[in-house]
């Protein structure tokens, strides 16, 4: 009886171990990035106002890089110098934590 119980425990243990293998554990599917690497200015403004932006980098050439909270980088061209910072000011609370950098 003890032998059968031991065999049963070993079989259950082996079954549990194989069902916990890395192949059996489904990893979460990454959310696809809905944005291409380069977007128009109006789309960039919408993204800024969405609250997804962690950092904004502006160059004197009017090139702007938005770095999202998930690490995605999005590039755009602002219509005038500092337009991106004006949009962040308009945005208020959702944009209050955005890190801003300029060259």
N, C-alpha and C. Protein backbone atom coordinates (compact mmCIF):
# COMPACT_ATOMS: atom_id res chain seq x y z
N UNK A 1 0.82 -1.19 0.00
CA UNK A 1 0.00 0.00 0.00
C UNK A 1 0.87 1.26 0.00
N UNK A 2 1.91 1.23 0.85
CA UNK A 2 2.81 2.38 0.92
C UNK A 2 3.53 2.56 -0.42
N UNK A 3 3.90 1.43 -1.05
CA UNK A 3 4.59 1.51 -2.33
C UNK A 3 3.70 2.17 -3.38
N UNK A 4 2.42 1.82 -3.42
CA UNK A 4 1.50 2.40 -4.38
C UNK A 4 1.29 3.89 -4.11
N UNK A 5 1.23 4.23 -2.85
CA UNK A 5 1.07 5.63 -2.48
C UNK A 5 2.30 6.43 -2.90
N UNK A 6 3.48 5.87 -2.71
CA UNK A 6 4.72 6.53 -3.11
C UNK A 6 4.76 6.71 -4.62
N UNK A 7 4.37 5.67 -5.36
CA UNK A 7 4.35 5.76 -6.82
C UNK A 7 3.37 6.83 -7.28
N UNK A 8 2.21 6.89 -6.63
CA UNK A 8 1.21 7.89 -6.98
C UNK A 8 1.74 9.30 -6.72
N UNK A 9 2.38 9.50 -5.61
CA UNK A 9 2.95 10.82 -5.29
C UNK A 9 4.01 11.19 -6.30
N UNK A 10 4.87 10.26 -6.68
CA UNK A 10 5.92 10.53 -7.67
C UNK A 10 5.32 10.86 -9.04
N UNK A 11 4.29 10.14 -9.43
CA UNK A 11 3.63 10.41 -10.71
C UNK A 11 2.99 11.80 -10.69
N UNK A 12 2.31 12.12 -9.60
CA UNK A 12 1.69 13.45 -9.50
C UNK A 12 2.74 14.55 -9.49
N UNK A 13 3.85 14.31 -8.80
CA UNK A 13 4.93 15.29 -8.76
C UNK A 13 5.51 15.50 -10.16
N UNK A 14 5.75 14.40 -10.89
CA UNK A 14 6.30 14.50 -12.24
C UNK A 14 5.33 15.25 -13.16
N UNK A 15 4.06 14.95 -13.04
CA UNK A 15 3.05 15.64 -13.83
C UNK A 15 3.03 17.14 -13.51
N UNK A 16 3.10 17.47 -12.24
CA UNK A 16 3.10 18.88 -11.84
C UNK A 16 4.32 19.60 -12.37
N UNK A 17 5.46 18.95 -12.36
CA UNK A 17 6.69 19.58 -12.82
C UNK A 17 6.66 19.82 -14.33
N UNK A 18 6.10 18.87 -15.09
CA UNK A 18 6.05 19.07 -16.54
C UNK A 18 5.05 20.13 -16.92
N UNK A 19 4.00 20.28 -16.15
CA UNK A 19 3.01 21.31 -16.48
C UNK A 19 3.50 22.69 -16.07
N UNK A 20 4.56 22.76 -15.28
CA UNK A 20 5.13 24.04 -14.87
C UNK A 20 6.37 24.39 -15.66
N UNK A 21 6.65 23.66 -16.71
CA UNK A 21 7.84 23.94 -17.50
C UNK A 21 7.69 25.30 -18.19
N UNK A 22 8.79 25.93 -18.57
CA UNK A 22 8.71 27.24 -19.23
C UNK A 22 7.85 27.20 -20.49
N UNK A 23 7.85 26.06 -21.20
CA UNK A 23 7.04 25.98 -22.41
C UNK A 23 5.55 25.98 -22.08
N UNK A 24 5.20 25.47 -20.90
CA UNK A 24 3.79 25.38 -20.53
C UNK A 24 3.26 26.69 -19.98
N UNK A 25 4.14 27.54 -19.50
CA UNK A 25 3.71 28.82 -18.94
C UNK A 25 3.64 29.81 -20.07
N UNK A 26 2.47 30.30 -20.34
CA UNK A 26 2.28 31.25 -21.43
C UNK A 26 2.81 32.61 -21.02
N UNK A 27 3.71 33.14 -21.82
CA UNK A 27 4.20 34.49 -21.54
C UNK A 27 3.23 35.47 -22.17
N UNK A 28 3.05 36.63 -21.53
CA UNK A 28 2.11 37.58 -22.08
C UNK A 28 2.58 38.08 -23.44
N UNK A 29 1.65 38.20 -24.34
CA UNK A 29 1.96 38.69 -25.67
C UNK A 29 2.16 40.20 -25.58
N UNK A 30 3.29 40.71 -26.09
CA UNK A 30 3.49 42.15 -26.02
C UNK A 30 2.44 42.88 -26.83
N UNK A 31 2.02 44.01 -26.31
CA UNK A 31 1.05 44.84 -27.01
C UNK A 31 1.74 45.49 -28.20
N UNK A 32 1.18 45.31 -29.38
CA UNK A 32 1.83 45.92 -30.54
C UNK A 32 1.77 47.44 -30.46
N UNK A 33 2.82 48.07 -30.94
CA UNK A 33 2.89 49.53 -30.94
C UNK A 33 1.96 50.06 -32.04
N UNK A 34 0.96 50.87 -31.68
CA UNK A 34 0.03 51.36 -32.70
C UNK A 34 0.60 52.51 -33.51
N UNK A 35 1.77 53.01 -33.14
CA UNK A 35 2.34 54.17 -33.80
C UNK A 35 3.55 53.77 -34.64
N UNK A 36 3.66 54.35 -35.84
CA UNK A 36 4.89 54.14 -36.60
C UNK A 36 6.01 54.96 -35.97
N UNK A 37 7.22 54.82 -36.44
CA UNK A 37 8.35 55.54 -35.87
C UNK A 37 8.28 57.04 -36.10
N UNK A 38 7.60 57.47 -37.15
CA UNK A 38 7.48 58.90 -37.46
C UNK A 38 6.00 59.22 -37.68
N UNK A 39 5.53 60.26 -37.01
CA UNK A 39 4.12 60.67 -37.16
C UNK A 39 4.07 62.16 -37.49
N UNK A 40 2.93 62.57 -38.00
CA UNK A 40 2.70 63.99 -38.27
C UNK A 40 2.52 64.76 -36.96
N UNK A 41 2.61 66.07 -37.06
CA UNK A 41 2.53 66.91 -35.86
C UNK A 41 1.22 66.74 -35.11
N UNK A 42 0.09 66.72 -35.81
CA UNK A 42 -1.21 66.60 -35.14
C UNK A 42 -1.34 65.27 -34.38
N UNK A 43 -0.81 64.21 -34.95
CA UNK A 43 -0.83 62.92 -34.26
C UNK A 43 0.05 62.98 -33.02
N UNK A 44 1.21 63.64 -33.15
CA UNK A 44 2.11 63.79 -32.00
C UNK A 44 1.43 64.55 -30.87
N UNK A 45 0.69 65.59 -31.21
CA UNK A 45 -0.04 66.36 -30.20
C UNK A 45 -1.06 65.47 -29.49
N UNK A 46 -1.78 64.66 -30.26
CA UNK A 46 -2.74 63.72 -29.65
C UNK A 46 -2.04 62.76 -28.70
N UNK A 47 -0.88 62.26 -29.10
CA UNK A 47 -0.13 61.34 -28.24
C UNK A 47 0.32 62.05 -26.97
N UNK A 48 0.80 63.27 -27.09
CA UNK A 48 1.22 64.05 -25.92
C UNK A 48 0.06 64.20 -24.95
N UNK A 49 -1.09 64.57 -25.46
CA UNK A 49 -2.27 64.80 -24.61
C UNK A 49 -2.86 63.51 -24.04
N UNK A 50 -2.44 62.36 -24.56
CA UNK A 50 -2.97 61.07 -24.08
C UNK A 50 -2.41 60.67 -22.72
N UNK A 51 -1.31 61.31 -22.30
CA UNK A 51 -0.70 60.95 -21.02
C UNK A 51 0.27 59.78 -21.12
N UNK A 52 0.59 59.33 -22.34
CA UNK A 52 1.49 58.19 -22.53
C UNK A 52 2.96 58.58 -22.60
N UNK A 53 3.24 59.90 -22.67
CA UNK A 53 4.61 60.36 -22.91
C UNK A 53 5.37 60.51 -21.60
N UNK A 54 6.58 59.97 -21.58
CA UNK A 54 7.45 60.10 -20.42
C UNK A 54 8.47 61.22 -20.61
N UNK A 55 8.96 61.40 -21.86
CA UNK A 55 10.01 62.38 -22.11
C UNK A 55 9.87 62.95 -23.51
N UNK A 56 10.20 64.24 -23.65
CA UNK A 56 10.18 64.92 -24.93
C UNK A 56 11.55 65.54 -25.14
N UNK A 57 12.12 65.31 -26.34
CA UNK A 57 13.41 65.90 -26.69
C UNK A 57 13.21 66.74 -27.95
N UNK A 58 13.57 68.02 -27.86
CA UNK A 58 13.42 68.94 -28.99
C UNK A 58 14.79 69.38 -29.48
N UNK A 59 14.97 69.38 -30.79
CA UNK A 59 16.21 69.86 -31.39
C UNK A 59 15.95 71.19 -32.09
N UNK A 60 17.03 71.98 -32.29
CA UNK A 60 16.86 73.27 -32.97
C UNK A 60 16.38 73.10 -34.41
N UNK A 61 16.57 71.93 -34.96
CA UNK A 61 16.11 71.64 -36.32
C UNK A 61 14.60 71.41 -36.39
N UNK A 62 13.92 71.52 -35.26
CA UNK A 62 12.48 71.28 -35.10
C UNK A 62 12.13 69.78 -35.01
N UNK A 63 13.13 68.93 -35.03
CA UNK A 63 12.89 67.50 -34.80
C UNK A 63 12.52 67.30 -33.33
N UNK A 64 11.49 66.51 -33.11
CA UNK A 64 11.03 66.21 -31.75
C UNK A 64 10.94 64.70 -31.60
N UNK A 65 11.43 64.20 -30.48
CA UNK A 65 11.30 62.78 -30.15
C UNK A 65 10.43 62.67 -28.91
N UNK A 66 9.39 61.86 -29.02
CA UNK A 66 8.54 61.53 -27.87
C UNK A 66 8.95 60.14 -27.41
N UNK A 67 9.27 60.01 -26.14
CA UNK A 67 9.58 58.70 -25.58
C UNK A 67 8.42 58.32 -24.66
N UNK A 68 7.73 57.27 -25.05
CA UNK A 68 6.55 56.85 -24.30
C UNK A 68 6.95 56.08 -23.06
N UNK A 69 6.00 55.93 -22.15
CA UNK A 69 6.24 55.23 -20.89
C UNK A 69 6.62 53.77 -21.10
N UNK A 70 6.25 53.20 -22.25
CA UNK A 70 6.63 51.81 -22.53
C UNK A 70 7.96 51.71 -23.27
N UNK A 71 8.63 52.86 -23.48
CA UNK A 71 9.94 52.87 -24.13
C UNK A 71 9.90 53.14 -25.62
N UNK A 72 8.73 53.17 -26.21
CA UNK A 72 8.59 53.44 -27.64
C UNK A 72 9.05 54.86 -27.95
N UNK A 73 9.80 55.02 -29.04
CA UNK A 73 10.22 56.35 -29.50
C UNK A 73 9.43 56.72 -30.74
N UNK A 74 8.90 57.93 -30.73
CA UNK A 74 8.14 58.45 -31.86
C UNK A 74 8.76 59.78 -32.26
N UNK A 75 8.95 59.96 -33.55
CA UNK A 75 9.57 61.18 -34.05
C UNK A 75 8.55 62.00 -34.83
N UNK A 76 8.71 63.32 -34.74
CA UNK A 76 7.86 64.24 -35.48
C UNK A 76 8.64 65.52 -35.74
N UNK A 77 8.05 66.41 -36.50
CA UNK A 77 8.62 67.73 -36.76
C UNK A 77 7.61 68.75 -36.24
N UNK A 78 8.06 69.60 -35.32
CA UNK A 78 7.15 70.63 -34.80
C UNK A 78 7.10 71.80 -35.78
N UNK A 79 5.97 72.50 -35.84
CA UNK A 79 5.82 73.58 -36.82
C UNK A 79 6.71 74.80 -36.50
N UNK A 80 6.93 75.07 -35.22
CA UNK A 80 7.78 76.19 -34.80
C UNK A 80 8.55 75.76 -33.56
N UNK A 81 9.65 76.44 -33.30
CA UNK A 81 10.44 76.09 -32.13
C UNK A 81 9.61 76.26 -30.86
N UNK A 82 9.72 75.35 -29.96
CA UNK A 82 9.03 75.31 -28.68
C UNK A 82 7.54 74.99 -28.77
N UNK A 83 7.05 74.64 -29.95
CA UNK A 83 5.63 74.27 -30.07
C UNK A 83 5.31 73.06 -29.19
N UNK A 84 6.25 72.14 -29.08
CA UNK A 84 6.02 70.95 -28.25
C UNK A 84 5.84 71.34 -26.79
N UNK A 85 6.63 72.31 -26.32
CA UNK A 85 6.52 72.73 -24.93
C UNK A 85 5.21 73.48 -24.68
N UNK A 86 4.74 74.20 -25.68
CA UNK A 86 3.44 74.88 -25.56
C UNK A 86 2.32 73.85 -25.45
N UNK A 87 2.42 72.77 -26.21
CA UNK A 87 1.41 71.71 -26.13
C UNK A 87 1.43 71.02 -24.77
N UNK A 88 2.61 70.83 -24.23
CA UNK A 88 2.72 70.21 -22.89
C UNK A 88 2.08 71.13 -21.85
N UNK A 89 2.29 72.44 -21.98
CA UNK A 89 1.66 73.40 -21.06
C UNK A 89 0.13 73.36 -21.17
N UNK A 90 -0.38 73.26 -22.39
CA UNK A 90 -1.83 73.19 -22.60
C UNK A 90 -2.43 71.92 -22.00
N UNK A 91 -1.66 70.87 -22.05
CA UNK A 91 -2.12 69.55 -21.62
C UNK A 91 -2.41 69.50 -20.12
N UNK A 92 -1.65 70.22 -19.34
CA UNK A 92 -1.83 70.31 -17.89
C UNK A 92 -1.56 68.99 -17.18
N UNK A 93 -2.50 68.51 -16.39
CA UNK A 93 -2.27 67.37 -15.49
C UNK A 93 -1.75 66.10 -16.16
N UNK A 94 -2.32 65.62 -17.28
CA UNK A 94 -1.78 64.39 -17.87
C UNK A 94 -0.31 64.51 -18.29
N UNK A 95 0.16 65.74 -18.48
CA UNK A 95 1.52 65.97 -18.95
C UNK A 95 2.44 66.53 -17.87
N UNK A 96 1.97 66.61 -16.66
CA UNK A 96 2.72 67.29 -15.60
C UNK A 96 4.03 66.61 -15.24
N UNK A 97 4.18 65.32 -15.56
CA UNK A 97 5.39 64.59 -15.20
C UNK A 97 6.33 64.38 -16.39
N UNK A 98 6.02 64.96 -17.55
CA UNK A 98 6.86 64.77 -18.73
C UNK A 98 8.21 65.44 -18.52
N UNK A 99 9.27 64.71 -18.78
CA UNK A 99 10.63 65.26 -18.74
C UNK A 99 10.86 65.96 -20.07
N UNK A 100 11.33 67.19 -20.03
CA UNK A 100 11.54 67.97 -21.25
C UNK A 100 13.03 68.27 -21.42
N UNK A 101 13.53 68.07 -22.64
CA UNK A 101 14.93 68.35 -22.94
C UNK A 101 15.01 69.07 -24.28
N UNK A 102 15.98 69.96 -24.40
CA UNK A 102 16.22 70.66 -25.65
C UNK A 102 17.71 70.81 -25.83
N UNK A 103 18.14 70.94 -27.10
CA UNK A 103 19.57 71.10 -27.32
C UNK A 103 19.94 72.56 -27.29
